[in-house]
Amino acid sequence: MFEGALKGTANLDPRPTPEGTADAVHRLTRMLAHPISISADAVADSALRARQAASGSTELRCDVCDSAIDGEPAGRGLYMWSRGDELRFEEPALCGGCAVAIGMTALSAWNAEEEEG
């Protein structure tokens, strides 16, 4: 940008800066302190309740912190394992705080891997 132009505006340079890293950590901390749980709509809630009733579960819980989840989960994890020749997958529900924390950890690990080579 031109020197002195658009003072006070956000830096549009996509490269990370030390200040940007600190700001991202602050935003992550703020998001973890106030997780958001949003229900898509009444039909999604009904489908979720029907699926829980069919499986015998009465309450959806976060797989990481074991807190109760109201409505749709904020995210899902992914477990993969093999048993013999069979490959198995499981997608456990995550609350908002855990979904953000796991996602940001994976993103930072991926960025570090990209920078190394």
PDB file of N, CA and C in Angstrom:
ATOM      1  N   MET A   1       0.844  -1.181   0.000  1.00  0.00           N
ATOM      2  CA  MET A   1       0.000   0.000   0.000  1.00  0.00           C
ATOM      3  C   MET A   1       0.882   1.234   0.000  1.00  0.00           C
ATOM      4  N   PHE A   2       0.323   2.348  -0.436  1.00  0.00           N
ATOM      5  CA  PHE A   2       1.052   3.601  -0.426  1.00  0.00           C
ATOM      6  C   PHE A   2       1.222   4.082   0.999  1.00  0.00           C
ATOM      7  N   GLU A   3       2.391   4.664   1.269  1.00  0.00           N
ATOM      8  CA  GLU A   3       2.655   5.144   2.620  1.00  0.00           C
ATOM      9  C   GLU A   3       1.698   6.273   2.950  1.00  0.00           C
ATOM     10  N   GLY A   4       1.023   6.169   4.072  1.00  0.00           N
ATOM     11  CA  GLY A   4       0.101   7.212   4.513  1.00  0.00           C
ATOM     12  C   GLY A   4      -1.296   7.056   3.946  1.00  0.00           C
ATOM     13  N   ALA A   5      -1.474   6.213   2.949  1.00  0.00           N
ATOM     14  CA  ALA A   5      -2.801   6.051   2.362  1.00  0.00           C
ATOM     15  C   ALA A   5      -3.633   5.115   3.220  1.00  0.00           C
ATOM     16  N   LEU A   6      -4.875   5.433   3.357  1.00  0.00           N
ATOM     17  CA  LEU A   6      -5.828   4.584   4.067  1.00  0.00           C
ATOM     18  C   LEU A   6      -5.357   4.213   5.471  1.00  0.00           C
ATOM     19  N   LYS A   7      -4.924   5.218   6.217  1.00  0.00           N
ATOM     20  CA  LYS A   7      -4.483   4.949   7.587  1.00  0.00           C
ATOM     21  C   LYS A   7      -5.636   4.385   8.400  1.00  0.00           C
ATOM     22  N   GLY A   8      -5.312   3.412   9.228  1.00  0.00           N
ATOM     23  CA  GLY A   8      -6.311   2.811  10.097  1.00  0.00           C
ATOM     24  C   GLY A   8      -7.078   1.668   9.457  1.00  0.00           C
ATOM     25  N   THR A   9      -6.791   1.357   8.199  1.00  0.00           N
ATOM     26  CA  THR A   9      -7.489   0.243   7.556  1.00  0.00           C
ATOM     27  C   THR A   9      -6.716  -1.047   7.796  1.00  0.00           C
ATOM     28  N   ALA A  10      -7.353  -2.146   7.545  1.00  0.00           N
ATOM     29  CA  ALA A  10      -6.737  -3.454   7.758  1.00  0.00           C
ATOM     30  C   ALA A  10      -5.644  -3.702   6.733  1.00  0.00           C
ATOM     31  N   ASN A  11      -4.615  -4.416   7.139  1.00  0.00           N
ATOM     32  CA  ASN A  11      -3.546  -4.809   6.242  1.00  0.00           C
ATOM     33  C   ASN A  11      -4.072  -5.935   5.354  1.00  0.00           C
ATOM     34  N   LEU A  12      -4.042  -5.743   4.051  1.00  0.00           N
ATOM     35  CA  LEU A  12      -4.592  -6.731   3.127  1.00  0.00           C
ATOM     36  C   LEU A  12      -3.541  -7.709   2.619  1.00  0.00           C
ATOM     37  N   ASP A  13      -2.319  -7.616   3.137  1.00  0.00           N
ATOM     38  CA  ASP A  13      -1.251  -8.523   2.747  1.00  0.00           C
ATOM     39  C   ASP A  13      -1.542  -9.908   3.332  1.00  0.00           C
ATOM     40  N   PRO A  14      -1.636 -10.969   2.504  1.00  0.00           N
ATOM     41  CA  PRO A  14      -2.005 -12.289   3.018  1.00  0.00           C
ATOM     42  C   PRO A  14      -0.903 -12.971   3.824  1.00  0.00           C
ATOM     43  N   ARG A  15       0.337 -12.457   3.769  1.00  0.00           N
ATOM     44  CA  ARG A  15       1.421 -13.091   4.516  1.00  0.00           C
ATOM     45  C   ARG A  15       1.248 -12.856   6.010  1.00  0.00           C
ATOM     46  N   PRO A  16       1.513 -13.875   6.840  1.00  0.00           N
ATOM     47  CA  PRO A  16       1.344 -13.712   8.288  1.00  0.00           C
ATOM     48  C   PRO A  16       2.393 -12.778   8.869  1.00  0.00           C
ATOM     49  N   THR A  17       1.996 -12.019   9.869  1.00  0.00           N
ATOM     50  CA  THR A  17       2.897 -11.129  10.591  1.00  0.00           C
ATOM     51  C   THR A  17       2.858 -11.512  12.061  1.00  0.00           C
ATOM     52  N   PRO A  18       3.890 -11.149  12.827  1.00  0.00           N
ATOM     53  CA  PRO A  18       3.837 -11.448  14.264  1.00  0.00           C
ATOM     54  C   PRO A  18       2.625 -10.818  14.938  1.00  0.00           C
ATOM     55  N   GLU A  19       2.267  -9.597  14.519  1.00  0.00           N
ATOM     56  CA  GLU A  19       1.098  -8.951  15.103  1.00  0.00           C
ATOM     57  C   GLU A  19      -0.169  -9.709  14.726  1.00  0.00           C
ATOM     58  N   GLY A  20      -0.243 -10.195  13.499  1.00  0.00           N
ATOM     59  CA  GLY A  20      -1.406 -10.951  13.041  1.00  0.00           C
ATOM     60  C   GLY A  20      -1.552 -12.262  13.788  1.00  0.00           C
ATOM     61  N   THR A  21      -0.431 -12.873  14.131  1.00  0.00           N
ATOM     62  CA  THR A  21      -0.473 -14.121  14.883  1.00  0.00           C
ATOM     63  C   THR A  21      -1.043 -13.882  16.270  1.00  0.00           C
ATOM     64  N   ALA A  22      -0.605 -12.805  16.910  1.00  0.00           N
ATOM     65  CA  ALA A  22      -1.123 -12.478  18.240  1.00  0.00           C
ATOM     66  C   ALA A  22      -2.612 -12.179  18.165  1.00  0.00           C
ATOM     67  N   ASP A  23      -3.024 -11.475  17.097  1.00  0.00           N
ATOM     68  CA  ASP A  23      -4.442 -11.153  16.935  1.00  0.00           C
ATOM     69  C   ASP A  23      -5.261 -12.422  16.712  1.00  0.00           C
ATOM     70  N   ALA A  24      -4.727 -13.368  15.952  1.00  0.00           N
ATOM     71  CA  ALA A  24      -5.440 -14.627  15.709  1.00  0.00           C
ATOM     72  C   ALA A  24      -5.596 -15.417  17.003  1.00  0.00           C
ATOM     73  N   VAL A  25      -4.566 -15.408  17.835  1.00  0.00           N
ATOM     74  CA  VAL A  25      -4.649 -16.105  19.124  1.00  0.00           C
ATOM     75  C   VAL A  25      -5.704 -15.449  19.993  1.00  0.00           C
ATOM     76  N   HIS A  26      -5.758 -14.106  19.983  1.00  0.00           N
ATOM     77  CA  HIS A  26      -6.769 -13.386  20.765  1.00  0.00           C
ATOM     78  C   HIS A  26      -8.169 -13.737  20.266  1.00  0.00           C
ATOM     79  N   ARG A  27      -8.368 -13.771  18.930  1.00  0.00           N
ATOM     80  CA  ARG A  27      -9.679 -14.112  18.380  1.00  0.00           C
ATOM     81  C   ARG A  27     -10.058 -15.536  18.750  1.00  0.00           C
ATOM     82  N   LEU A  28      -9.095 -16.474  18.690  1.00  0.00           N
ATOM     83  CA  LEU A  28      -9.367 -17.863  19.050  1.00  0.00           C
ATOM     84  C   LEU A  28      -9.768 -17.962  20.517  1.00  0.00           C
ATOM     85  N   THR A  29      -9.044 -17.260  21.390  1.00  0.00           N
ATOM     86  CA  THR A  29      -9.364 -17.287  22.815  1.00  0.00           C
ATOM     87  C   THR A  29     -10.755 -16.735  23.055  1.00  0.00           C
ATOM     88  N   ARG A  30     -11.092 -15.647  22.366  1.00  0.00           N
ATOM     89  CA  ARG A  30     -12.412 -15.043  22.523  1.00  0.00           C
ATOM     90  C   ARG A  30     -13.495 -16.000  22.026  1.00  0.00           C
ATOM     91  N   MET A  31     -13.242 -16.704  20.915  1.00  0.00           N
ATOM     92  CA  MET A  31     -14.231 -17.634  20.370  1.00  0.00           C
ATOM     93  C   MET A  31     -14.417 -18.833  21.293  1.00  0.00           C
ATOM     94  N   LEU A  32     -13.332 -19.303  21.907  1.00  0.00           N
ATOM     95  CA  LEU A  32     -13.437 -20.444  22.805  1.00  0.00           C
ATOM     96  C   LEU A  32     -14.195 -20.090  24.069  1.00  0.00           C
ATOM     97  N   ALA A  33     -14.113 -18.822  24.478  1.00  0.00           N
ATOM     98  CA  ALA A  33     -14.801 -18.398  25.693  1.00  0.00           C
ATOM     99  C   ALA A  33     -16.310 -18.333  25.483  1.00  0.00           C
ATOM    100  N   HIS A  34     -16.758 -18.090  24.239  1.00  0.00           N
ATOM    101  CA  HIS A  34     -18.182 -17.946  23.940  1.00  0.00           C
ATOM    102  C   HIS A  34     -18.554 -18.782  22.720  1.00  0.00           C
ATOM    103  N   PRO A  35     -18.595 -20.120  22.852  1.00  0.00           N
ATOM    104  CA  PRO A  35     -18.948 -20.940  21.690  1.00  0.00           C
ATOM    105  C   PRO A  35     -20.389 -20.692  21.263  1.00  0.00           C
ATOM    106  N   ILE A  36     -20.619 -20.819  19.979  1.00  0.00           N
ATOM    107  CA  ILE A  36     -21.939 -20.568  19.416  1.00  0.00           C
ATOM    108  C   ILE A  36     -22.545 -21.895  18.985  1.00  0.00           C
ATOM    109  N   SER A  37     -23.770 -22.133  19.394  1.00  0.00           N
ATOM    110  CA  SER A  37     -24.502 -23.315  18.955  1.00  0.00           C
ATOM    111  C   SER A  37     -25.726 -22.831  18.198  1.00  0.00           C
ATOM    112  N   ILE A  38     -25.786 -23.139  16.909  1.00  0.00           N
ATOM    113  CA  ILE A  38     -26.878 -22.658  16.073  1.00  0.00           C
ATOM    114  C   ILE A  38     -27.645 -23.855  15.520  1.00  0.00           C
ATOM    115  N   SER A  39     -28.944 -23.833  15.702  1.00  0.00           N
ATOM    116  CA  SER A  39     -29.786 -24.862  15.115  1.00  0.00           C
ATOM    117  C   SER A  39     -30.165 -24.415  13.709  1.00  0.00           C
ATOM    118  N   ALA A  40     -29.989 -25.302  12.732  1.00  0.00           N
ATOM    119  CA  ALA A  40     -30.280 -24.933  11.348  1.00  0.00           C
ATOM    120  C   ALA A  40     -31.757 -24.591  11.182  1.00  0.00           C
ATOM    121  N   ASP A  41     -32.619 -25.451  11.614  1.00  0.00           N
ATOM    122  CA  ASP A  41     -34.057 -25.193  11.559  1.00  0.00           C
ATOM    123  C   ASP A  41     -34.792 -26.284  12.335  1.00  0.00           C
ATOM    124  N   ALA A  42     -36.090 -26.151  12.414  1.00  0.00           N
ATOM    125  CA  ALA A  42     -36.893 -27.105  13.175  1.00  0.00           C
ATOM    126  C   ALA A  42     -36.840 -28.506  12.565  1.00  0.00           C
ATOM    127  N   VAL A  43     -36.752 -28.590  11.238  1.00  0.00           N
ATOM    128  CA  VAL A  43     -36.693 -29.898  10.581  1.00  0.00           C
ATOM    129  C   VAL A  43     -35.390 -30.610  10.954  1.00  0.00           C
ATOM    130  N   ALA A  44     -34.277 -29.868  10.973  1.00  0.00           N
ATOM    131  CA  ALA A  44     -32.995 -30.460  11.350  1.00  0.00           C
ATOM    132  C   ALA A  44     -33.026 -30.930  12.799  1.00  0.00           C
ATOM    133  N   ASP A  45     -33.637 -30.131  13.683  1.00  0.00           N
ATOM    134  CA  ASP A  45     -33.768 -30.540  15.083  1.00  0.00           C
ATOM    135  C   ASP A  45     -34.586 -31.823  15.204  1.00  0.00           C
ATOM    136  N   SER A  46     -35.675 -31.901  14.459  1.00  0.00           N
ATOM    137  CA  SER A  46     -36.517 -33.099  14.502  1.00  0.00           C
ATOM    138  C   SER A  46     -35.761 -34.322  14.000  1.00  0.00           C
ATOM    139  N   ALA A  47     -35.013 -34.157  12.924  1.00  0.00           N
ATOM    140  CA  ALA A  47     -34.236 -35.270  12.376  1.00  0.00           C
ATOM    141  C   ALA A  47     -33.163 -35.719  13.364  1.00  0.00           C
ATOM    142  N   LEU A  48     -32.525 -34.753  14.027  1.00  0.00           N
ATOM    143  CA  LEU A  48     -31.503 -35.082  15.013  1.00  0.00           C
ATOM    144  C   LEU A  48     -32.105 -35.842  16.187  1.00  0.00           C
ATOM    145  N   ARG A  49     -33.240 -35.383  16.682  1.00  0.00           N
ATOM    146  CA  ARG A  49     -33.910 -36.050  17.808  1.00  0.00           C
ATOM    147  C   ARG A  49     -34.354 -37.471  17.407  1.00  0.00           C
ATOM    148  N   ALA A  50     -34.857 -37.636  16.179  1.00  0.00           N
ATOM    149  CA  ALA A  50     -35.283 -38.963  15.714  1.00  0.00           C
ATOM    150  C   ALA A  50     -34.091 -39.907  15.624  1.00  0.00           C
ATOM    151  N   ARG A  51     -32.963 -39.411  15.125  1.00  0.00           N
ATOM    152  CA  ARG A  51     -31.765 -40.243  15.020  1.00  0.00           C
ATOM    153  C   ARG A  51     -31.254 -40.636  16.405  1.00  0.00           C
ATOM    154  N   GLN A  52     -31.289 -39.687  17.351  1.00  0.00           N
ATOM    155  CA  GLN A  52     -30.857 -39.986  18.713  1.00  0.00           C
ATOM    156  C   GLN A  52     -31.779 -41.015  19.366  1.00  0.00           C
ATOM    157  N   ALA A  53     -33.081 -40.883  19.143  1.00  0.00           N
ATOM    158  CA  ALA A  53     -34.044 -41.820  19.725  1.00  0.00           C
ATOM    159  C   ALA A  53     -33.850 -43.220  19.143  1.00  0.00           C
ATOM    160  N   ALA A  54     -33.575 -43.288  17.837  1.00  0.00           N
ATOM    161  CA  ALA A  54     -33.385 -44.584  17.186  1.00  0.00           C
ATOM    162  C   ALA A  54     -32.125 -45.285  17.692  1.00  0.00           C
ATOM    163  N   SER A  55     -31.096 -44.507  18.011  1.00  0.00           N
ATOM    164  CA  SER A  55     -29.852 -45.115  18.483  1.00  0.00           C
ATOM    165  C   SER A  55     -29.856 -45.361  19.985  1.00  0.00           C
ATOM    166  N   GLY A  56     -30.916 -44.919  20.671  1.00  0.00           N
ATOM    167  CA  GLY A  56     -31.007 -45.127  22.110  1.00  0.00           C
ATOM    168  C   GLY A  56     -30.356 -44.022  22.914  1.00  0.00           C
ATOM    169  N   SER A  57     -29.774 -43.044  22.263  1.00  0.00           N
ATOM    170  CA  SER A  57     -29.124 -41.933  22.958  1.00  0.00           C
ATOM    171  C   SER A  57     -30.156 -40.855  23.272  1.00  0.00           C
ATOM    172  N   THR A  58     -30.082 -40.301  24.459  1.00  0.00           N
ATOM    173  CA  THR A  58     -31.033 -39.256  24.832  1.00  0.00           C
ATOM    174  C   THR A  58     -30.429 -37.871  24.706  1.00  0.00           C
ATOM    175  N   GLU A  59     -29.108 -37.786  24.684  1.00  0.00           N
ATOM    176  CA  GLU A  59     -28.466 -36.482  24.651  1.00  0.00           C
ATOM    177  C   GLU A  59     -27.199 -36.558  23.807  1.00  0.00           C
ATOM    178  N   LEU A  60     -26.998 -35.565  22.948  1.00  0.00           N
ATOM    179  CA  LEU A  60     -25.790 -35.496  22.137  1.00  0.00           C
ATOM    180  C   LEU A  60     -24.711 -34.811  22.964  1.00  0.00           C
ATOM    181  N   ARG A  61     -23.521 -35.421  23.047  1.00  0.00           N
ATOM    182  CA  ARG A  61     -22.439 -34.884  23.870  1.00  0.00           C
ATOM    183  C   ARG A  61     -21.178 -34.728  23.034  1.00  0.00           C
ATOM    184  N   CYS A  62     -20.356 -33.740  23.383  1.00  0.00           N
ATOM    185  CA  CYS A  62     -19.077 -33.504  22.713  1.00  0.00           C
ATOM    186  C   CYS A  62     -18.143 -34.670  23.015  1.00  0.00           C
ATOM    187  N   ASP A  63     -17.460 -35.164  21.997  1.00  0.00           N
ATOM    188  CA  ASP A  63     -16.570 -36.304  22.164  1.00  0.00           C
ATOM    189  C   ASP A  63     -15.289 -35.930  22.906  1.00  0.00           C
ATOM    190  N   VAL A  64     -14.934 -34.639  22.932  1.00  0.00           N
ATOM    191  CA  VAL A  64     -13.695 -34.201  23.572  1.00  0.00           C
ATOM    192  C   VAL A  64     -13.920 -33.831  25.029  1.00  0.00           C
ATOM    193  N   CYS A  65     -14.832 -32.894  25.284  1.00  0.00           N
ATOM    194  CA  CYS A  65     -15.020 -32.384  26.648  1.00  0.00           C
ATOM    195  C   CYS A  65     -16.257 -32.959  27.331  1.00  0.00           C
ATOM    196  N   ASP A  66     -17.054 -33.738  26.626  1.00  0.00           N
ATOM    197  CA  ASP A  66     -18.244 -34.410  27.149  1.00  0.00           C
ATOM    198  C   ASP A  66     -19.342 -33.444  27.600  1.00  0.00           C
ATOM    199  N   SER A  67     -19.338 -32.219  27.070  1.00  0.00           N
ATOM    200  CA  SER A  67     -20.421 -31.291  27.407  1.00  0.00           C
ATOM    201  C   SER A  67     -21.633 -31.578  26.517  1.00  0.00           C
ATOM    202  N   ALA A  68     -22.822 -31.275  27.037  1.00  0.00           N
ATOM    203  CA  ALA A  68     -24.057 -31.500  26.279  1.00  0.00           C
ATOM    204  C   ALA A  68     -24.125 -30.529  25.106  1.00  0.00           C
ATOM    205  N   ILE A  69     -24.629 -30.999  23.971  1.00  0.00           N
ATOM    206  CA  ILE A  69     -24.769 -30.173  22.772  1.00  0.00           C
ATOM    207  C   ILE A  69     -26.249 -30.001  22.496  1.00  0.00           C
ATOM    208  N   ASP A  70     -26.699 -28.739  22.422  1.00  0.00           N
ATOM    209  CA  ASP A  70     -28.089 -28.435  22.080  1.00  0.00           C
ATOM    210  C   ASP A  70     -28.184 -28.228  20.584  1.00  0.00           C
ATOM    211  N   GLY A  71     -29.118 -28.888  19.928  1.00  0.00           N
ATOM    212  CA  GLY A  71     -29.297 -28.732  18.482  1.00  0.00           C
ATOM    213  C   GLY A  71     -28.207 -29.460  17.719  1.00  0.00           C
ATOM    214  N   GLU A  72     -27.846 -28.901  16.573  1.00  0.00           N
ATOM    215  CA  GLU A  72     -26.820 -29.495  15.729  1.00  0.00           C
ATOM    216  C   GLU A  72     -25.437 -29.283  16.341  1.00  0.00           C
ATOM    217  N   PRO A  73     -24.528 -30.253  16.197  1.00  0.00           N
ATOM    218  CA  PRO A  73     -23.161 -30.053  16.675  1.00  0.00           C
ATOM    219  C   PRO A  73     -22.457 -28.987  15.840  1.00  0.00           C
ATOM    220  N   ALA A  74     -21.541 -28.245  16.462  1.00  0.00           N
ATOM    221  CA  ALA A  74     -20.807 -27.198  15.751  1.00  0.00           C
ATOM    222  C   ALA A  74     -19.804 -27.788  14.774  1.00  0.00           C
ATOM    223  N   GLY A  75     -19.390 -29.004  14.997  1.00  0.00           N
ATOM    224  CA  GLY A  75     -18.436 -29.655  14.111  1.00  0.00           C
ATOM    225  C   GLY A  75     -18.413 -31.147  14.375  1.00  0.00           C
ATOM    226  N   ARG A  76     -17.615 -31.831  13.586  1.00  0.00           N
ATOM    227  CA  ARG A  76     -17.464 -33.275  13.770  1.00  0.00           C
ATOM    228  C   ARG A  76     -15.995 -33.620  13.620  1.00  0.00           C
ATOM    229  N   GLY A  77     -15.543 -34.580  14.414  1.00  0.00           N
ATOM    230  CA  GLY A  77     -14.189 -35.088  14.296  1.00  0.00           C
ATOM    231  C   GLY A  77     -14.164 -36.217  13.280  1.00  0.00           C
ATOM    232  N   LEU A  78     -13.019 -36.829  13.118  1.00  0.00           N
ATOM    233  CA  LEU A  78     -12.912 -37.977  12.220  1.00  0.00           C
ATOM    234  C   LEU A  78     -11.904 -38.956  12.796  1.00  0.00           C
ATOM    235  N   TYR A  79     -12.388 -40.136  13.134  1.00  0.00           N
ATOM    236  CA  TYR A  79     -11.522 -41.234  13.544  1.00  0.00           C
ATOM    237  C   TYR A  79     -11.466 -42.212  12.382  1.00  0.00           C
ATOM    238  N   MET A  80     -10.251 -42.676  12.060  1.00  0.00           N
ATOM    239  CA  MET A  80     -10.080 -43.701  11.028  1.00  0.00           C
ATOM    240  C   MET A  80      -9.206 -44.803  11.616  1.00  0.00           C
ATOM    241  N   TRP A  81      -9.615 -46.049  11.417  1.00  0.00           N
ATOM    242  CA  TRP A  81      -8.797 -47.161  11.855  1.00  0.00           C
ATOM    243  C   TRP A  81      -9.109 -48.352  10.976  1.00  0.00           C
ATOM    244  N   SER A  82      -8.211 -49.301  11.003  1.00  0.00           N
ATOM    245  CA  SER A  82      -8.441 -50.501  10.195  1.00  0.00           C
ATOM    246  C   SER A  82      -8.495 -51.713  11.111  1.00  0.00           C
ATOM    247  N   ARG A  83      -9.308 -52.631  10.712  1.00  0.00           N
ATOM    248  CA  ARG A  83      -9.415 -53.905  11.411  1.00  0.00           C
ATOM    249  C   ARG A  83      -9.341 -54.966  10.321  1.00  0.00           C
ATOM    250  N   GLY A  84      -8.200 -55.625  10.234  1.00  0.00           N
ATOM    251  CA  GLY A  84      -7.980 -56.567   9.144  1.00  0.00           C
ATOM    252  C   GLY A  84      -7.874 -55.802   7.832  1.00  0.00           C
ATOM    253  N   ASP A  85      -8.684 -56.192   6.861  1.00  0.00           N
ATOM    254  CA  ASP A  85      -8.704 -55.500   5.572  1.00  0.00           C
ATOM    255  C   ASP A  85      -9.748 -54.396   5.527  1.00  0.00           C
ATOM    256  N   GLU A  86     -10.523 -54.259   6.596  1.00  0.00           N
ATOM    257  CA  GLU A  86     -11.619 -53.291   6.619  1.00  0.00           C
ATOM    258  C   GLU A  86     -11.144 -51.947   7.191  1.00  0.00           C
ATOM    259  N   LEU A  87     -11.471 -50.860   6.515  1.00  0.00           N
ATOM    260  CA  LEU A  87     -11.167 -49.510   6.983  1.00  0.00           C
ATOM    261  C   LEU A  87     -12.436 -48.925   7.580  1.00  0.00           C
ATOM    262  N   ARG A  88     -12.361 -48.471   8.825  1.00  0.00           N
ATOM    263  CA  ARG A  88     -13.547 -47.952   9.508  1.00  0.00           C
ATOM    264  C   ARG A  88     -13.401 -46.462   9.774  1.00  0.00           C
ATOM    265  N   PHE A  89     -14.546 -45.768   9.769  1.00  0.00           N
ATOM    266  CA  PHE A  89     -14.600 -44.333  10.030  1.00  0.00           C
ATOM    267  C   PHE A  89     -15.649 -44.059  11.094  1.00  0.00           C
ATOM    268  N   GLU A  90     -15.389 -43.045  11.907  1.00  0.00           N
ATOM    269  CA  GLU A  90     -16.378 -42.569  12.865  1.00  0.00           C
ATOM    270  C   GLU A  90     -16.271 -41.050  12.904  1.00  0.00           C
ATOM    271  N   GLU A  91     -17.416 -40.362  12.918  1.00  0.00           N
ATOM    272  CA  GLU A  91     -17.449 -38.901  12.957  1.00  0.00           C
ATOM    273  C   GLU A  91     -18.169 -38.439  14.217  1.00  0.00           C
ATOM    274  N   PRO A  92     -17.455 -38.326  15.342  1.00  0.00           N
ATOM    275  CA  PRO A  92     -18.098 -37.918  16.588  1.00  0.00           C
ATOM    276  C   PRO A  92     -18.443 -36.432  16.587  1.00  0.00           C
ATOM    277  N   ALA A  93     -19.480 -36.078  17.339  1.00  0.00           N
ATOM    278  CA  ALA A  93     -19.929 -34.688  17.448  1.00  0.00           C
ATOM    279  C   ALA A  93     -18.965 -33.880  18.310  1.00  0.00           C
ATOM    280  N   LEU A  94     -18.822 -32.581  17.978  1.00  0.00           N
ATOM    281  CA  LEU A  94     -17.977 -31.668  18.743  1.00  0.00           C
ATOM    282  C   LEU A  94     -18.760 -30.413  19.095  1.00  0.00           C
ATOM    283  N   CYS A  95     -18.518 -29.879  20.294  1.00  0.00           N
ATOM    284  CA  CYS A  95     -19.129 -28.602  20.674  1.00  0.00           C
ATOM    285  C   CYS A  95     -18.373 -27.477  19.960  1.00  0.00           C
ATOM    286  N   GLY A  96     -18.883 -26.259  20.044  1.00  0.00           N
ATOM    287  CA  GLY A  96     -18.273 -25.128  19.353  1.00  0.00           C
ATOM    288  C   GLY A  96     -16.834 -24.872  19.765  1.00  0.00           C
ATOM    289  N   GLY A  97     -16.563 -24.873  21.058  1.00  0.00           N
ATOM    290  CA  GLY A  97     -15.212 -24.595  21.550  1.00  0.00           C
ATOM    291  C   GLY A  97     -14.202 -25.632  21.097  1.00  0.00           C
ATOM    292  N   CYS A  98     -14.560 -26.888  21.202  1.00  0.00           N
ATOM    293  CA  CYS A  98     -13.644 -27.961  20.805  1.00  0.00           C
ATOM    294  C   CYS A  98     -13.456 -27.997  19.288  1.00  0.00           C
ATOM    295  N   ALA A  99     -14.519 -27.748  18.534  1.00  0.00           N
ATOM    296  CA  ALA A  99     -14.409 -27.734  17.071  1.00  0.00           C
ATOM    297  C   ALA A  99     -13.450 -26.644  16.618  1.00  0.00           C
ATOM    298  N   VAL A 100     -13.553 -25.455  17.214  1.00  0.00           N
ATOM    299  CA  VAL A 100     -12.659 -24.347  16.858  1.00  0.00           C
ATOM    300  C   VAL A 100     -11.229 -24.672  17.270  1.00  0.00           C
ATOM    301  N   ALA A 101     -11.041 -25.178  18.481  1.00  0.00           N
ATOM    302  CA  ALA A 101      -9.692 -25.486  18.969  1.00  0.00           C
ATOM    303  C   ALA A 101      -9.006 -26.536  18.101  1.00  0.00           C
ATOM    304  N   ILE A 102      -9.718 -27.597  17.751  1.00  0.00           N
ATOM    305  CA  ILE A 102      -9.135 -28.651  16.922  1.00  0.00           C
ATOM    306  C   ILE A 102      -8.854 -28.130  15.516  1.00  0.00           C
ATOM    307  N   GLY A 103      -9.786 -27.363  14.967  1.00  0.00           N
ATOM    308  CA  GLY A 103      -9.587 -26.802  13.630  1.00  0.00           C
ATOM    309  C   GLY A 103      -8.400 -25.860  13.566  1.00  0.00           C
ATOM    310  N   MET A 104      -8.258 -24.986  14.565  1.00  0.00           N
ATOM    311  CA  MET A 104      -7.139 -24.039  14.578  1.00  0.00           C
ATOM    312  C   MET A 104      -5.813 -24.767  14.800  1.00  0.00           C
ATOM    313  N   THR A 105      -5.804 -25.801  15.623  1.00  0.00           N
ATOM    314  CA  THR A 105      -4.586 -26.583  15.841  1.00  0.00           C
ATOM    315  C   THR A 105      -4.164 -27.274  14.549  1.00  0.00           C
ATOM    316  N   ALA A 106      -5.122 -27.855  13.841  1.00  0.00           N
ATOM    317  CA  ALA A 106      -4.815 -28.513  12.568  1.00  0.00           C
ATOM    318  C   ALA A 106      -4.319 -27.505  11.539  1.00  0.00           C
ATOM    319  N   LEU A 107      -4.938 -26.325  11.496  1.00  0.00           N
ATOM    320  CA  LEU A 107      -4.523 -25.293  10.550  1.00  0.00           C
ATOM    321  C   LEU A 107      -3.111 -24.818  10.849  1.00  0.00           C
ATOM    322  N   SER A 108      -2.781 -24.599  12.118  1.00  0.00           N
ATOM    323  CA  SER A 108      -1.434 -24.137  12.455  1.00  0.00           C
ATOM    324  C   SER A 108      -0.399 -25.220  12.165  1.00  0.00           C
ATOM    325  N   ALA A 109      -0.739 -26.487  12.395  1.00  0.00           N
ATOM    326  CA  ALA A 109       0.184 -27.580  12.073  1.00  0.00           C
ATOM    327  C   ALA A 109       0.393 -27.667  10.563  1.00  0.00           C
ATOM    328  N   TRP A 110      -0.665 -27.478   9.804  1.00  0.00           N
ATOM    329  CA  TRP A 110      -0.567 -27.517   8.344  1.00  0.00           C
ATOM    330  C   TRP A 110       0.283 -26.352   7.839  1.00  0.00           C
ATOM    331  N   ASN A 111       0.087 -25.152   8.421  1.00  0.00           N
ATOM    332  CA  ASN A 111       0.882 -23.987   8.024  1.00  0.00           C
ATOM    333  C   ASN A 111       2.352 -24.195   8.353  1.00  0.00           C
ATOM    334  N   ALA A 112       2.661 -24.767   9.512  1.00  0.00           N
ATOM    335  CA  ALA A 112       4.050 -25.032   9.886  1.00  0.00           C
ATOM    336  C   ALA A 112       4.676 -26.036   8.927  1.00  0.00           C
ATOM    337  N   GLU A 113       3.906 -27.034   8.526  1.00  0.00           N
ATOM    338  CA  GLU A 113       4.390 -28.037   7.585  1.00  0.00           C
ATOM    339  C   GLU A 113       4.668 -27.406   6.221  1.00  0.00           C
ATOM    340  N   GLU A 114       3.805 -26.475   5.800  1.00  0.00           N
ATOM    341  CA  GLU A 114       3.985 -25.783   4.518  1.00  0.00           C
ATOM    342  C   GLU A 114       5.255 -24.934   4.532  1.00  0.00           C
ATOM    343  N   GLU A 115       5.532 -24.264   5.665  1.00  0.00           N
ATOM    344  CA  GLU A 115       6.694 -23.388   5.761  1.00  0.00           C
ATOM    345  C   GLU A 115       7.996 -24.175   5.768  1.00  0.00           C
ATOM    346  N   GLU A 116       7.969 -25.399   6.312  1.00  0.00           N
ATOM    347  CA  GLU A 116       9.177 -26.211   6.402  1.00  0.00           C
ATOM    348  C   GLU A 116       9.603 -26.783   5.056  1.00  0.00           C
ATOM    349  N   GLY A 117       8.696 -26.969   4.170  1.00  0.00           N
ATOM    350  CA  GLY A 117       9.145 -27.521   2.904  1.00  0.00           C
ATOM    351  C   GLY A 117       8.054 -28.043   2.128  1.00  0.00           C
TER     352      GLY A 117
END
